[in-house]
C-alpha cells in the first residue's frame, strides 16, 4: 500500500486532451492557430544578430585644392556601396565644399570608392588608403599614382 500511496503523489495529473505537452511541442492556442512553444534562450530569427546587419552613415566632402578658383561643373562619388553608380555631391556655398551623406553602409568590411570631378578621378584626402582596383567596374574609375592604378578605400567599422 505504501508504494501505491507514493505513486499517486508522484504522478502528474492527466490533461483532458491526453498527456501533458513537453517543452518544444506544438501547443494548440484557444481561438487561434497552432503556435509552437518558444524555448527559453532561443532568439527568433528576425532578432538574431547574424541575421541583422550593422550599418552606419558617412558624410563625404570634397573641397577645391589650394590655389584653384574655378568651380567644377559636377562632383560625384561611386563605389562598392553604390554598386559603382555615380551619385552627385551638392555644393555648400557657406563652406565652399561639395558633400553627400550616405546611409546604411555595411559595417565590418572594406569599401572601394572614387571621387569624380568633372568625370575625372581625384584623390580624397580623407580616405583610409589606396587599393589596387579589382574587376572592370573599379578599373573604370581608377586613379593613376606613382605605384600604378588605385581606388580609394574606406574601412567600415562599427561602434
Protein backbone atom coordinates (compact mmCIF):
# COMPACT_ATOMS: atom_id res chain seq x y z
CA UNK A 1 0.00 0.00 0.00
CA UNK A 2 2.90 2.36 0.69
CA UNK A 3 4.06 2.01 -2.90
CA UNK A 4 0.60 2.84 -4.31
CA UNK A 5 0.36 5.82 -2.00
CA UNK A 6 3.72 7.31 -3.17
CA UNK A 7 2.94 6.64 -6.86
CA UNK A 8 -0.29 8.62 -6.51
CA UNK A 9 1.61 11.70 -5.36
CA UNK A 10 4.45 11.39 -7.87
CA UNK A 11 2.21 11.12 -10.94
CA UNK A 12 1.45 14.22 -12.91
CA UNK A 13 -2.24 14.91 -13.37
CA UNK A 14 -3.54 13.88 -16.79
CA UNK A 15 -4.81 16.61 -19.11
CA UNK A 16 -8.32 16.43 -20.50
CA UNK A 17 -6.95 16.03 -24.05
CA UNK A 18 -4.25 13.49 -23.17
CA UNK A 19 -0.70 13.62 -21.76
CA UNK A 20 0.89 16.91 -20.75
CA UNK A 21 2.81 18.69 -23.55
CA UNK A 22 6.61 18.72 -23.40
CA UNK A 23 8.76 21.78 -23.94
CA UNK A 24 9.11 22.43 -27.68
CA UNK A 25 5.86 20.63 -28.56
CA UNK A 26 3.23 22.32 -30.70
CA UNK A 27 0.51 23.52 -28.36
CA UNK A 28 -2.97 24.44 -29.64
CA UNK A 29 -3.88 28.03 -28.83
CA UNK A 30 -7.51 28.65 -27.86
CA UNK A 31 -9.36 30.51 -30.57
CA UNK A 32 -6.44 30.64 -32.99
CA UNK A 33 -3.83 28.77 -34.98
CA UNK A 34 -1.37 26.25 -33.61
CA UNK A 35 1.64 28.09 -32.10
CA UNK A 36 4.96 26.39 -31.30
CA UNK A 37 6.21 26.91 -27.76
CA UNK A 38 9.32 29.11 -27.64
CA UNK A 39 12.18 27.62 -25.67
CA UNK A 40 13.99 29.98 -23.35
CA UNK A 41 17.40 31.09 -24.61
CA UNK A 42 16.46 30.94 -28.29
CA UNK A 43 16.07 34.16 -30.21
CA UNK A 44 13.62 34.37 -33.11
CA UNK A 45 15.46 34.65 -36.49
CA UNK A 46 14.40 38.29 -37.03
CA UNK A 47 16.21 39.29 -33.81
CA UNK A 48 19.26 37.09 -34.34
CA UNK A 49 22.45 39.18 -34.60
CA UNK A 50 23.71 37.17 -37.58
CA UNK A 51 20.52 37.97 -39.50
CA UNK A 52 20.72 41.68 -38.73
CA UNK A 53 23.48 43.61 -40.50
CA UNK A 54 25.05 46.59 -38.83
CA UNK A 55 25.29 49.74 -40.89
CA UNK A 56 26.36 53.32 -40.43
CA UNK A 57 26.15 56.76 -42.03
CA UNK A 58 29.11 58.50 -43.68
CA UNK A 59 29.49 62.07 -44.93
CA UNK A 60 31.81 62.52 -47.91
CA UNK A 61 33.22 66.02 -48.57
CA UNK A 62 35.41 67.49 -51.29
CA UNK A 63 36.91 70.98 -51.50
CA UNK A 64 38.74 72.77 -54.25
CA UNK A 65 42.50 72.26 -53.98
CA UNK A 66 44.53 75.24 -52.74
CA UNK A 67 45.04 77.79 -55.49
CA UNK A 68 42.19 76.55 -57.67
CA UNK A 69 39.34 79.03 -58.04
CA UNK A 70 37.40 77.55 -60.98
CA UNK A 71 34.49 75.51 -59.60
CA UNK A 72 33.81 72.21 -61.38
CA UNK A 73 30.52 71.58 -63.18
CA UNK A 74 29.88 68.42 -61.14
CA UNK A 75 31.39 66.36 -58.34
CA UNK A 76 30.29 62.72 -57.98
CA UNK A 77 31.06 59.64 -55.94
CA UNK A 78 30.90 56.00 -56.99
CA UNK A 79 31.85 52.92 -55.02
CA UNK A 80 31.05 49.44 -53.83
CA UNK A 81 28.34 50.90 -51.57
CA UNK A 82 26.53 52.33 -54.66
CA UNK A 83 27.28 49.36 -56.95
CA UNK A 84 29.55 51.83 -58.77
CA UNK A 85 26.62 54.05 -59.75
CA UNK A 86 27.59 57.74 -59.72
CA UNK A 87 25.90 59.91 -57.09
CA UNK A 88 26.19 63.72 -57.23
CA UNK A 89 27.62 65.73 -54.34
CA UNK A 90 25.86 69.00 -53.54
CA UNK A 91 27.72 72.27 -53.22
CA UNK A 92 27.51 74.14 -49.95
CA UNK A 93 28.22 77.81 -50.61
CA UNK A 94 28.87 78.60 -46.94
CA UNK A 95 31.71 76.08 -46.52
CA UNK A 96 32.63 76.18 -50.23
CA UNK A 97 32.64 72.38 -50.35
CA UNK A 98 30.69 69.58 -52.01
CA UNK A 99 29.16 66.91 -49.82
CA UNK A 100 26.86 63.89 -49.71
CA UNK A 101 25.57 61.84 -46.77
CA UNK A 102 25.24 58.12 -47.44
CA UNK A 103 23.19 55.97 -45.09
CA UNK A 104 23.17 52.20 -44.46
CA UNK A 105 26.80 51.49 -45.38
CA UNK A 106 27.58 47.92 -44.37
CA UNK A 107 29.92 47.62 -41.38
CA UNK A 108 32.85 45.25 -40.88
CA UNK A 109 34.11 45.41 -44.44
CA UNK A 110 36.36 47.47 -46.67
CA UNK A 111 34.66 49.57 -49.34
CA UNK A 112 36.33 50.86 -52.51
CA UNK A 113 35.22 54.19 -53.99
CA UNK A 114 36.27 57.14 -56.16
CA UNK A 115 35.50 60.83 -56.19
CA UNK A 116 34.98 62.17 -59.70
CA UNK A 117 35.36 65.86 -60.51
CA UNK A 118 34.02 66.68 -63.97
CA UNK A 119 34.26 62.95 -64.71
CA UNK A 120 37.94 62.63 -63.71
CA UNK A 121 39.05 60.66 -60.62
CA UNK A 122 40.59 62.76 -57.84
CA UNK A 123 42.27 61.94 -54.55
CA UNK A 124 40.22 62.20 -51.35
CA UNK A 125 42.46 63.41 -48.53
CA UNK A 126 40.01 61.86 -46.03
CA UNK A 127 40.16 58.31 -47.44
CA UNK A 128 41.56 55.45 -45.36
CA UNK A 129 44.07 54.40 -48.01
CA UNK A 130 44.53 53.29 -51.59
CA UNK A 131 43.76 49.86 -53.04
CA UNK A 132 44.50 48.05 -56.27
CA UNK A 133 41.31 48.02 -58.37
CA UNK A 134 39.55 44.66 -58.72
CA UNK A 135 37.48 43.99 -61.83
CA UNK A 136 36.29 46.14 -64.72
CA UNK A 137 33.93 48.29 -62.60
CA UNK A 138 36.75 49.52 -60.37
CA UNK A 139 39.23 49.83 -63.23
CA UNK A 140 36.79 52.19 -64.96
CA UNK A 141 37.16 54.66 -62.05
CA UNK A 142 40.83 54.11 -61.13
CA UNK A 143 43.26 56.88 -60.27
CA UNK A 144 46.82 56.72 -61.64
CA UNK A 145 49.51 57.03 -58.95
CA UNK A 146 53.30 56.56 -58.96
CA UNK A 147 52.66 52.96 -57.80
CA UNK A 148 50.11 52.23 -60.52
CA UNK A 149 46.31 52.42 -60.73
CA UNK A 150 44.46 52.73 -57.43
CA UNK A 151 41.00 53.31 -55.98
CA UNK A 152 40.19 54.88 -52.61
CA UNK A 153 39.47 52.74 -49.55
CA UNK A 154 37.01 53.18 -46.71
CA UNK A 155 37.30 50.88 -43.70
CA UNK A 156 33.75 50.41 -42.45
CA UNK A 157 33.77 49.95 -38.70
CA UNK A 158 31.01 49.69 -36.15
CA UNK A 159 30.99 51.42 -32.79
